[in-house]
Amino acid sequence: MAQTLKLASRVFHRIRCAAGLDATLGSKGSKSAPRDLADIPGPSTPGFLAELFCKGGLSRLHELQVQGAARFGPVWLASFGTVRTVYVAAPTLVEQLLRQEGPLPERCSFSPWAEHRRRRQRACGLLTAEGEEWQRLRSLLAPLLLRPQAAARYAETLHNVVCDLVRRLRRQRGLGAGPPALVRDVAGEFYKFGLEAQHHVERREAEVAMKRQGKPEEDRGSGAHLTYFLFQEELPAESILGNVTELLLAGVDTVSNTLSWALYELSRHPEVQTALHSEIIAALGPGPSTHPSATALSQLPLLKAVVKEVLRLYPVVPGNSRVPDKDICVGDYVIPKNTLVTLCHYATSRDPAQFPEPNSFRPARWLEKGTAPHPFASLPFGFGKRSCMGRRLAELELQMALAQILIHFEVQPEPGAAPVKPMTRTVLVPERSINLQFVDR
């Protein structure tokens, strides 16, 4: 009897999936019943392993997304030992999957990091936590980090760090062989900038929190700081440290890599750089003492478009993952629960059907009126409950840094340098050092 009910339930689920496919995808779709994992195309296991380990595929995972979509279509399956992974590389299907998420979305676990923390008796933060612990941490942090003006309170602190960055770029010019304005390995410099920016924000919050511990409630002020807020919630010190550390590391990679790619592309597209410089000067005024506010920066359309275009071309996380807690429909297929699903954000953000000339740096595409790309075609910060908590702060850091750098310098490419391609190292990074010239304006 139990087996009969279980079979009936599964059949009903498939019928419901088939009935909802057309409406979900917004197309005519297939009238056939949803198919199983066995019906999903994909590479053979030996071929897939050879691609990863014999042909350098581990550093080209983002390219394998594009190749897989071209070879097998928007959904394919690959096996790595006993682990089967379904790859999804169409915006409509990414949306369909994400909108079926439950209240506690689960992704591929950061098991080495989590195990490292467990052995050292360290608490997990928002990045590595799962289930109810993750939900509790997110509910605490979301009101502070995701509000529209959440990042604006850090503008003064970030401005000071950006000014330090400008001074350091000036000092680093001309070290070693090459033109006098050349700065080598700008990604390394920007990593230090991102680290310092996050450090200053957290240090300020920690000082406020520690000074106010034990004082009467009426003396504690607004408490508009991350660390102070966590102390207010009476989290253990280990949990506070875990969250701050993970937010710090995630934010630094986002800012340093994206800023490097942004200046790299602007140096290769001087017409865009000139237009952006003109927009910044017109809105903020000339002169090295310019101190842009978060509100002023948010009203610069080309600046925002440049950041969006860079994140489209070079998403820090080229692919995300989900492990559904129930059977779900993805296109013509039923994906069983507990199956690892990879969302191919790099492939969807370079889909020519969504972005004409997908490999070209064209920020103007985000300003053009007319047909817009599917909202799930480019998701550099994710979607839903598992989206990036530090998005607003990262965007503000990028906007402030770009504005100040372009006020002070004209950025030019290294003479004779070959194009730099991205590679996968957990996150998307330049395959070699990006060297740029920073010429005084």
Protein backbone atom coordinates (compact mmCIF):
# COMPACT_ATOMS: atom_id res chain seq x y z
CA MET A 1 0.00 0.00 0.00
CA ALA A 2 2.76 2.41 0.93
CA GLN A 3 4.60 1.68 -2.33
CA THR A 4 1.39 2.26 -4.30
CA LEU A 5 0.82 5.63 -2.64
CA LYS A 6 4.43 6.62 -3.25
CA LEU A 7 4.14 5.69 -6.95
CA ALA A 8 0.86 7.57 -7.26
CA SER A 9 2.39 10.63 -5.67
CA ARG A 10 5.32 10.59 -8.09
CA VAL A 11 3.01 10.17 -11.10
CA PHE A 12 0.86 13.08 -9.89
CA HIS A 13 4.00 15.20 -9.50
CA ARG A 14 5.04 14.48 -13.08
CA ILE A 15 1.59 15.29 -14.43
CA ARG A 16 1.63 18.57 -12.52
CA CYS A 17 5.09 19.34 -13.91
CA ALA A 18 3.97 18.64 -17.45
CA ALA A 19 0.94 20.87 -17.06
CA GLY A 20 3.02 23.73 -15.74
CA LEU A 21 5.95 23.64 -18.14
CA ASP A 22 4.47 25.88 -20.83
CA ALA A 23 3.34 28.55 -18.38
CA THR A 24 6.65 28.55 -16.54
CA LEU A 25 8.83 28.79 -19.64
CA GLY A 26 6.57 31.19 -21.47
CA SER A 27 6.79 29.17 -24.69
CA LYS A 28 4.94 26.43 -26.49
CA GLY A 29 7.27 23.80 -25.04
CA SER A 30 6.88 20.07 -25.27
CA LYS A 31 3.59 18.27 -24.74
CA SER A 32 5.33 15.04 -23.72
CA ALA A 33 5.65 13.90 -20.13
CA PRO A 34 8.74 15.06 -18.22
CA ARG A 35 11.74 12.80 -18.56
CA ASP A 36 14.23 11.32 -16.09
CA LEU A 37 17.91 11.98 -15.45
CA ALA A 38 18.71 9.06 -17.74
CA ASP A 39 17.26 11.04 -20.66
CA ILE A 40 19.46 14.11 -20.12
CA PRO A 41 22.31 14.34 -22.64
CA GLY A 42 25.89 14.83 -21.56
CA PRO A 43 29.50 13.75 -21.93
CA SER A 44 30.69 10.26 -21.10
CA THR A 45 32.32 9.91 -17.70
CA PRO A 46 35.79 9.12 -19.17
CA GLY A 47 35.50 12.04 -21.57
CA PHE A 48 34.43 14.41 -18.81
CA LEU A 49 37.28 13.35 -16.52
CA ALA A 50 39.78 13.67 -19.36
CA GLU A 51 38.53 17.21 -20.02
CA LEU A 52 38.97 18.14 -16.37
CA PHE A 53 42.33 16.54 -15.59
CA CYS A 54 44.11 16.11 -18.94
CA LYS A 55 43.03 19.22 -20.81
CA GLY A 56 43.13 21.81 -18.06
CA GLY A 57 39.39 21.89 -17.58
CA LEU A 58 39.59 22.66 -13.87
CA SER A 59 40.88 26.14 -14.71
CA ARG A 60 38.39 26.50 -17.57
CA LEU A 61 35.16 25.52 -15.85
CA HIS A 62 33.55 28.74 -17.08
CA GLU A 63 34.44 27.87 -20.69
CA LEU A 64 33.13 24.34 -20.24
CA GLN A 65 29.74 25.88 -19.43
CA VAL A 66 29.64 27.59 -22.83
CA GLN A 67 30.90 24.49 -24.62
CA GLY A 68 28.42 22.26 -22.84
CA ALA A 69 25.48 24.48 -23.76
CA ALA A 70 26.60 24.58 -27.40
CA ARG A 71 27.06 20.80 -27.55
CA PHE A 72 24.18 19.44 -25.48
CA GLY A 73 21.65 22.26 -25.18
CA PRO A 74 20.42 24.16 -22.12
CA VAL A 75 20.43 21.11 -19.81
CA TRP A 76 23.07 18.40 -19.59
CA LEU A 77 24.39 15.90 -17.08
CA ALA A 78 27.95 14.91 -16.15
CA SER A 79 29.20 12.36 -13.64
CA PHE A 80 32.24 12.58 -11.40
CA GLY A 81 32.50 9.25 -9.66
CA THR A 82 29.23 8.71 -7.83
CA VAL A 83 28.30 12.39 -8.02
CA ARG A 84 25.93 13.31 -10.83
CA THR A 85 25.57 16.99 -11.67
CA VAL A 86 22.86 18.57 -13.79
CA TYR A 87 23.98 21.75 -15.57
CA VAL A 88 21.41 24.42 -16.42
CA ALA A 89 22.40 27.11 -18.93
CA ALA A 90 19.24 28.96 -19.98
CA PRO A 91 17.81 32.00 -18.16
CA THR A 92 14.24 30.68 -18.30
CA LEU A 93 15.30 27.38 -16.75
CA VAL A 94 17.45 29.06 -14.12
CA GLU A 95 14.41 31.09 -13.13
CA GLN A 96 12.19 28.02 -13.14
CA LEU A 97 14.55 26.21 -10.79
CA LEU A 98 15.12 29.11 -8.40
CA ARG A 99 11.42 29.84 -8.07
CA GLN A 100 10.84 26.30 -6.83
CA GLU A 101 13.19 26.75 -3.89
CA GLY A 102 11.98 25.94 -0.43
CA PRO A 103 12.39 28.11 2.67
CA LEU A 104 15.92 26.80 3.31
CA PRO A 105 17.74 26.67 -0.07
CA GLU A 106 20.74 24.37 -0.02
CA ARG A 107 23.76 24.61 -2.28
CA CYS A 108 26.90 22.54 -2.72
CA SER A 109 28.51 22.67 0.70
CA PHE A 110 31.88 24.26 1.42
CA SER A 111 32.86 21.00 3.08
CA PRO A 112 36.65 21.59 3.38
CA TRP A 113 36.07 25.01 4.94
CA ALA A 114 33.32 23.72 7.20
CA GLU A 115 35.48 20.77 8.26
CA HIS A 116 38.39 23.12 8.98
CA ARG A 117 36.14 25.19 11.22
CA ARG A 118 34.74 22.12 12.96
CA ARG A 119 38.17 20.72 13.79
CA ARG A 120 39.24 24.04 15.24
CA GLN A 121 35.94 24.44 17.06
CA ARG A 122 35.11 27.56 15.06
CA ALA A 123 31.56 28.59 14.25
CA CYS A 124 30.34 28.70 10.66
CA GLY A 125 29.29 32.00 9.16
CA LEU A 126 26.64 32.83 6.58
CA LEU A 127 28.73 31.45 3.72
CA THR A 128 29.24 27.95 5.13
CA ALA A 129 26.19 27.51 7.37
CA GLU A 130 23.22 25.48 6.16
CA GLY A 131 19.65 24.84 7.22
CA GLU A 132 18.15 26.53 10.24
CA GLU A 133 21.49 27.95 11.40
CA TRP A 134 21.91 29.68 8.03
CA GLN A 135 18.33 30.99 8.21
CA ARG A 136 18.93 32.41 11.68
CA LEU A 137 22.11 34.21 10.62
CA ARG A 138 20.54 35.58 7.46
CA SER A 139 17.49 36.88 9.32
CA LEU A 140 19.85 38.79 11.60
CA LEU A 141 22.02 40.26 8.85
CA ALA A 142 19.48 40.94 6.09
CA PRO A 143 17.87 44.04 7.69
CA LEU A 144 21.28 45.63 8.11
CA LEU A 145 22.93 44.79 4.79
CA LEU A 146 20.12 44.62 2.23
CA ARG A 147 18.21 47.83 2.86
CA PRO A 148 18.45 50.38 -0.01
CA GLN A 149 20.57 52.77 2.08
CA ALA A 150 22.43 50.05 3.98
CA ALA A 151 25.82 50.80 2.42
CA ALA A 152 25.56 54.60 2.53
CA ARG A 153 26.56 54.75 6.20
CA TYR A 154 29.99 53.45 5.25
CA ALA A 155 30.67 56.08 2.56
CA GLU A 156 32.92 58.25 4.74
CA THR A 157 35.06 55.30 5.83
CA LEU A 158 35.29 53.95 2.28
CA HIS A 159 36.22 57.38 0.91
CA ASN A 160 39.27 57.47 3.17
CA VAL A 161 40.36 54.03 1.97
CA VAL A 162 39.83 54.99 -1.69
CA CYS A 163 42.03 58.06 -1.17
CA ASP A 164 44.71 55.75 0.22
CA LEU A 165 44.35 53.59 -2.89
CA VAL A 166 44.85 56.57 -5.21
CA ARG A 167 48.00 57.58 -3.32
CA ARG A 168 49.32 54.03 -3.45
CA LEU A 169 48.72 53.74 -7.20
CA ARG A 170 50.72 56.92 -7.64
CA ARG A 171 53.59 55.51 -5.56
CA GLN A 172 53.56 52.16 -7.35
CA ARG A 173 54.00 53.65 -10.81
CA GLY A 174 57.26 53.01 -12.58
CA LEU A 175 58.60 50.35 -10.23
CA GLY A 176 60.73 48.03 -12.34
CA ALA A 177 61.07 48.02 -16.10
CA GLY A 178 58.49 49.61 -18.34
CA PRO A 179 56.80 52.98 -18.83
CA PRO A 180 56.95 55.42 -15.90
CA ALA A 181 53.18 55.30 -15.35
CA LEU A 182 52.92 51.50 -15.32
CA VAL A 183 51.54 49.71 -12.25
CA ARG A 184 52.11 45.97 -12.23
CA ASP A 185 49.57 43.44 -10.97
CA VAL A 186 46.72 45.82 -10.28
CA ALA A 187 44.61 42.91 -9.00
CA GLY A 188 47.07 42.52 -6.13
CA GLU A 189 46.83 46.21 -5.32
CA PHE A 190 43.05 46.12 -5.43
CA TYR A 191 42.96 43.05 -3.23
CA LYS A 192 44.78 45.08 -0.59
CA PHE A 193 42.28 47.88 -1.15
CA GLY A 194 39.32 45.54 -0.70
CA LEU A 195 40.88 44.02 2.39
CA GLU A 196 41.61 47.44 3.89
CA ALA A 197 38.11 48.70 3.10
CA GLN A 198 36.46 45.75 4.79
CA HIS A 199 38.92 45.93 7.68
CA HIS A 200 38.21 49.61 8.32
CA VAL A 201 34.47 49.03 8.28
CA GLU A 202 34.69 46.09 10.66
CA ARG A 203 37.23 47.74 12.95
CA ARG A 204 35.01 50.75 13.35
CA GLU A 205 32.04 48.55 14.14
CA ALA A 206 34.00 46.41 16.59
CA GLU A 207 35.26 49.47 18.47
CA VAL A 208 31.75 50.83 18.79
CA ALA A 209 30.44 47.45 19.91
CA MET A 210 33.11 46.79 22.51
CA LYS A 211 32.87 50.27 24.01
CA ARG A 212 29.14 49.95 24.45
CA GLN A 213 29.00 46.45 25.89
CA GLY A 214 27.52 46.52 29.38
CA LYS A 215 26.18 50.06 29.15
CA PRO A 216 22.48 50.85 29.64
CA GLU A 217 20.33 50.43 26.56
CA GLU A 218 19.61 54.14 26.32
CA ASP A 219 23.35 54.87 26.01
CA ARG A 220 23.98 52.56 23.11
CA GLY A 221 22.97 54.86 20.28
CA SER A 222 21.52 53.69 17.01
CA GLY A 223 23.62 50.51 16.77
CA ALA A 224 23.84 50.89 13.00
CA HIS A 225 26.96 48.72 12.65
CA LEU A 226 27.32 45.08 11.73
CA THR A 227 29.43 43.87 14.64
CA TYR A 228 27.48 45.92 17.15
CA PHE A 229 24.25 44.52 15.75
CA LEU A 230 25.52 40.97 16.20
CA PHE A 231 26.53 41.75 19.78
CA GLN A 232 23.04 43.14 20.36
CA GLU A 233 21.62 39.78 19.33
CA GLU A 234 23.84 38.15 21.96
CA LEU A 235 25.55 35.84 19.51
CA PRO A 236 28.60 34.00 20.83
CA ALA A 237 31.90 35.69 20.02
CA GLU A 238 32.87 32.68 17.86
CA SER A 239 29.77 33.13 15.72
CA ILE A 240 30.45 36.84 15.29
CA LEU A 241 34.02 36.08 14.23
CA GLY A 242 32.83 33.44 11.77
CA ASN A 243 30.36 35.78 10.10
CA VAL A 244 32.72 38.74 9.91
CA THR A 245 35.52 36.57 8.48
CA GLU A 246 33.36 35.03 5.77
CA LEU A 247 31.75 38.33 4.77
CA LEU A 248 35.21 39.85 4.65
CA LEU A 249 36.67 37.19 2.36
CA ALA A 250 33.66 37.13 0.02
CA GLY A 251 33.64 40.92 -0.29
CA VAL A 252 37.36 41.28 -0.99
CA ASP A 253 37.31 38.88 -3.95
CA THR A 254 34.29 40.59 -5.47
CA VAL A 255 35.74 44.09 -5.24
CA SER A 256 39.35 43.36 -6.20
CA ASN A 257 38.59 41.18 -9.24
CA THR A 258 35.76 43.33 -10.56
CA LEU A 259 37.74 46.56 -10.18
CA SER A 260 40.69 44.97 -12.01
CA TRP A 261 38.51 43.85 -14.91
CA ALA A 262 36.70 47.21 -15.04
CA LEU A 263 39.90 49.22 -15.44
CA TYR A 264 41.30 46.64 -17.85
CA GLU A 265 38.27 47.03 -20.13
CA LEU A 266 38.17 50.82 -19.76
CA SER A 267 41.84 51.01 -20.75
CA ARG A 268 41.03 49.06 -23.92
CA HIS A 269 37.95 51.16 -24.68
CA PRO A 270 39.08 54.79 -24.33
CA GLU A 271 35.83 56.12 -25.77
CA VAL A 272 33.88 54.55 -22.90
CA GLN A 273 36.44 55.81 -20.38
CA THR A 274 36.19 59.35 -21.77
CA ALA A 275 32.39 59.30 -21.59
CA LEU A 276 32.47 57.94 -18.04
CA HIS A 277 35.03 60.54 -16.93
CA SER A 278 32.83 63.29 -18.38
CA GLU A 279 29.79 61.94 -16.53
CA ILE A 280 31.69 61.82 -13.24
CA ILE A 281 33.12 65.33 -13.59
CA ALA A 282 29.77 66.80 -14.65
CA ALA A 283 28.02 65.31 -11.63
CA LEU A 284 30.70 65.57 -8.95
CA GLY A 285 32.89 68.43 -10.11
CA PRO A 286 36.61 68.44 -10.99
CA GLY A 287 39.50 68.44 -8.58
CA PRO A 288 41.24 65.93 -6.34
CA SER A 289 39.20 67.00 -3.31
CA THR A 290 35.97 65.67 -4.79
CA HIS A 291 34.13 63.58 -2.19
CA PRO A 292 31.20 61.81 -3.87
CA SER A 293 28.29 60.71 -1.74
CA ALA A 294 26.62 57.34 -2.13
CA THR A 295 23.49 59.09 -3.39
CA ALA A 296 25.40 61.04 -6.04
CA LEU A 297 27.15 57.92 -7.31
CA SER A 298 23.90 55.99 -7.54
CA GLN A 299 22.59 58.61 -9.98
CA LEU A 300 25.36 58.12 -12.56
CA PRO A 301 23.83 55.80 -15.20
CA LEU A 302 26.99 55.07 -17.18
CA LEU A 303 28.98 54.29 -14.03
CA LYS A 304 26.33 51.78 -12.96
CA ALA A 305 26.21 50.35 -16.49
CA VAL A 306 29.99 49.85 -16.53
CA VAL A 307 29.82 47.89 -13.28
CA LYS A 308 26.93 45.77 -14.59
CA GLU A 309 28.72 45.06 -17.85
CA VAL A 310 31.94 44.03 -16.11
CA LEU A 311 30.01 41.72 -13.79
CA ARG A 312 28.25 40.25 -16.84
CA LEU A 313 31.52 39.50 -18.62
CA TYR A 314 33.45 38.46 -15.52
CA PRO A 315 31.07 37.23 -12.81
CA VAL A 316 33.10 36.64 -9.67
CA VAL A 317 31.24 33.36 -9.14
CA PRO A 318 30.83 31.91 -12.66
CA GLY A 319 28.49 29.17 -11.49
CA ASN A 320 26.25 28.60 -8.50
CA SER A 321 24.64 25.42 -7.27
CA ARG A 322 21.54 24.07 -5.63
CA VAL A 323 20.60 20.76 -4.04
CA PRO A 324 16.78 20.65 -4.13
CA ASP A 325 14.99 19.15 -1.14
CA LYS A 326 12.20 17.80 -3.34
CA ASP A 327 11.67 16.62 -6.91
CA ILE A 328 11.57 19.66 -9.20
CA CYS A 329 10.81 20.38 -12.84
CA VAL A 330 13.50 21.89 -15.06
CA GLY A 331 12.40 22.18 -18.65
CA ASP A 332 11.37 18.76 -19.89
CA TYR A 333 13.00 16.95 -17.00
CA VAL A 334 12.17 15.95 -13.45
CA ILE A 335 15.23 16.42 -11.25
CA PRO A 336 15.09 14.15 -8.18
CA LYS A 337 15.65 15.68 -4.79
CA ASN A 338 19.23 15.75 -3.45
CA THR A 339 20.63 16.03 -6.99
CA LEU A 340 23.41 18.57 -7.41
CA VAL A 341 22.39 21.24 -9.94
CA THR A 342 24.87 23.79 -11.28
CA LEU A 343 23.53 27.12 -12.53
CA CYS A 344 25.78 28.21 -15.39
CA HIS A 345 25.80 31.98 -14.87
CA TYR A 346 28.86 32.51 -17.05
CA ALA A 347 27.17 30.78 -19.99
CA THR A 348 23.86 32.62 -19.62
CA SER A 349 25.60 35.99 -19.32
CA ARG A 350 27.40 35.35 -22.61
CA ASP A 351 24.36 34.02 -24.45
CA PRO A 352 24.09 35.85 -27.81
CA ALA A 353 20.31 35.45 -27.72
CA GLN A 354 20.29 37.62 -24.60
CA PHE A 355 23.29 39.85 -25.25
CA PRO A 356 24.21 40.69 -28.86
CA GLU A 357 27.99 40.60 -29.29
CA PRO A 358 28.20 38.78 -25.96
CA ASN A 359 31.99 38.84 -25.70
CA SER A 360 32.23 42.59 -26.31
CA PHE A 361 32.47 45.21 -23.57
CA ARG A 362 29.44 47.42 -24.31
CA PRO A 363 28.09 49.17 -21.19
CA ALA A 364 25.65 51.09 -23.38
CA ARG A 365 23.60 47.91 -23.78
CA TRP A 366 22.27 48.50 -20.25
CA LEU A 367 21.13 52.01 -21.17
CA GLU A 368 19.41 51.22 -24.46
CA LYS A 369 15.66 51.28 -24.64
CA GLY A 370 13.92 48.34 -26.20
CA THR A 371 14.22 44.62 -25.64
CA ALA A 372 15.95 43.93 -22.34
CA PRO A 373 17.73 40.66 -21.54
CA HIS A 374 15.96 38.11 -19.40
CA PRO A 375 16.30 39.19 -15.75
CA PHE A 376 17.95 35.85 -14.91
CA ALA A 377 20.49 36.03 -17.75
CA SER A 378 23.06 37.83 -15.60
CA LEU A 379 22.98 37.11 -11.87
CA PRO A 380 26.39 38.14 -10.52
CA PHE A 381 25.02 38.41 -6.98
CA GLY A 382 22.64 35.46 -7.14
CA PHE A 383 18.92 35.48 -6.49
CA GLY A 384 16.54 35.02 -3.60
CA LYS A 385 17.46 34.04 -0.09
CA ARG A 386 20.89 32.80 -1.17
CA SER A 387 21.80 36.04 -2.93
CA CYS A 388 24.91 37.95 -1.91
CA MET A 389 24.38 39.77 1.38
CA GLY A 390 27.15 42.27 0.69
CA ARG A 391 25.91 43.35 -2.73
CA ARG A 392 25.15 46.96 -1.85
CA LEU A 393 28.44 47.48 -0.05
CA ALA A 394 30.40 45.90 -2.93
CA GLU A 395 28.64 48.09 -5.50
CA LEU A 396 29.36 51.21 -3.47
CA GLU A 397 33.05 50.29 -3.12
CA LEU A 398 33.32 49.71 -6.88
CA GLN A 399 31.57 52.95 -7.76
CA MET A 400 33.64 55.03 -5.33
CA ALA A 401 36.93 53.49 -6.45
CA LEU A 402 36.20 53.88 -10.17
CA ALA A 403 35.07 57.48 -9.73
CA GLN A 404 38.15 58.54 -7.76
CA ILE A 405 40.61 56.68 -9.99
CA LEU A 406 39.17 58.24 -13.15
CA ILE A 407 39.12 61.71 -11.58
CA HIS A 408 42.87 61.44 -10.96
CA PHE A 409 44.12 59.22 -13.79
CA GLU A 410 43.64 58.29 -17.39
CA VAL A 411 44.01 54.52 -17.45
CA GLN A 412 45.90 53.08 -20.41
CA PRO A 413 46.85 49.50 -21.33
CA GLU A 414 50.36 48.16 -21.01
CA PRO A 415 52.10 48.72 -24.38
CA GLY A 416 52.26 45.54 -26.42
CA ALA A 417 50.49 43.40 -23.83
CA ALA A 418 48.43 40.45 -25.02
CA PRO A 419 44.76 40.23 -24.02
CA VAL A 420 44.12 38.79 -20.56
CA LYS A 421 41.63 35.96 -20.25
CA PRO A 422 39.79 34.78 -17.15
CA MET A 423 40.41 31.47 -15.44
CA THR A 424 38.54 29.58 -12.74
CA ARG A 425 40.14 29.38 -9.31
CA THR A 426 36.96 28.82 -7.27
CA VAL A 427 36.18 32.39 -8.31
CA LEU A 428 36.90 33.92 -11.73
CA VAL A 429 40.34 35.59 -11.79
CA PRO A 430 42.73 36.93 -14.46
CA GLU A 431 44.92 34.15 -15.89
CA ARG A 432 47.96 36.42 -15.50
CA SER A 433 48.79 39.78 -13.98
CA ILE A 434 46.96 42.81 -15.32
CA ASN A 435 49.41 45.70 -15.74
CA LEU A 436 48.00 49.17 -16.46
CA GLN A 437 49.29 52.71 -16.89
CA PHE A 438 47.87 55.41 -14.61
CA VAL A 439 48.60 58.74 -16.27
CA ASP A 440 47.93 61.92 -14.28
CA ARG A 441 45.11 64.04 -15.64
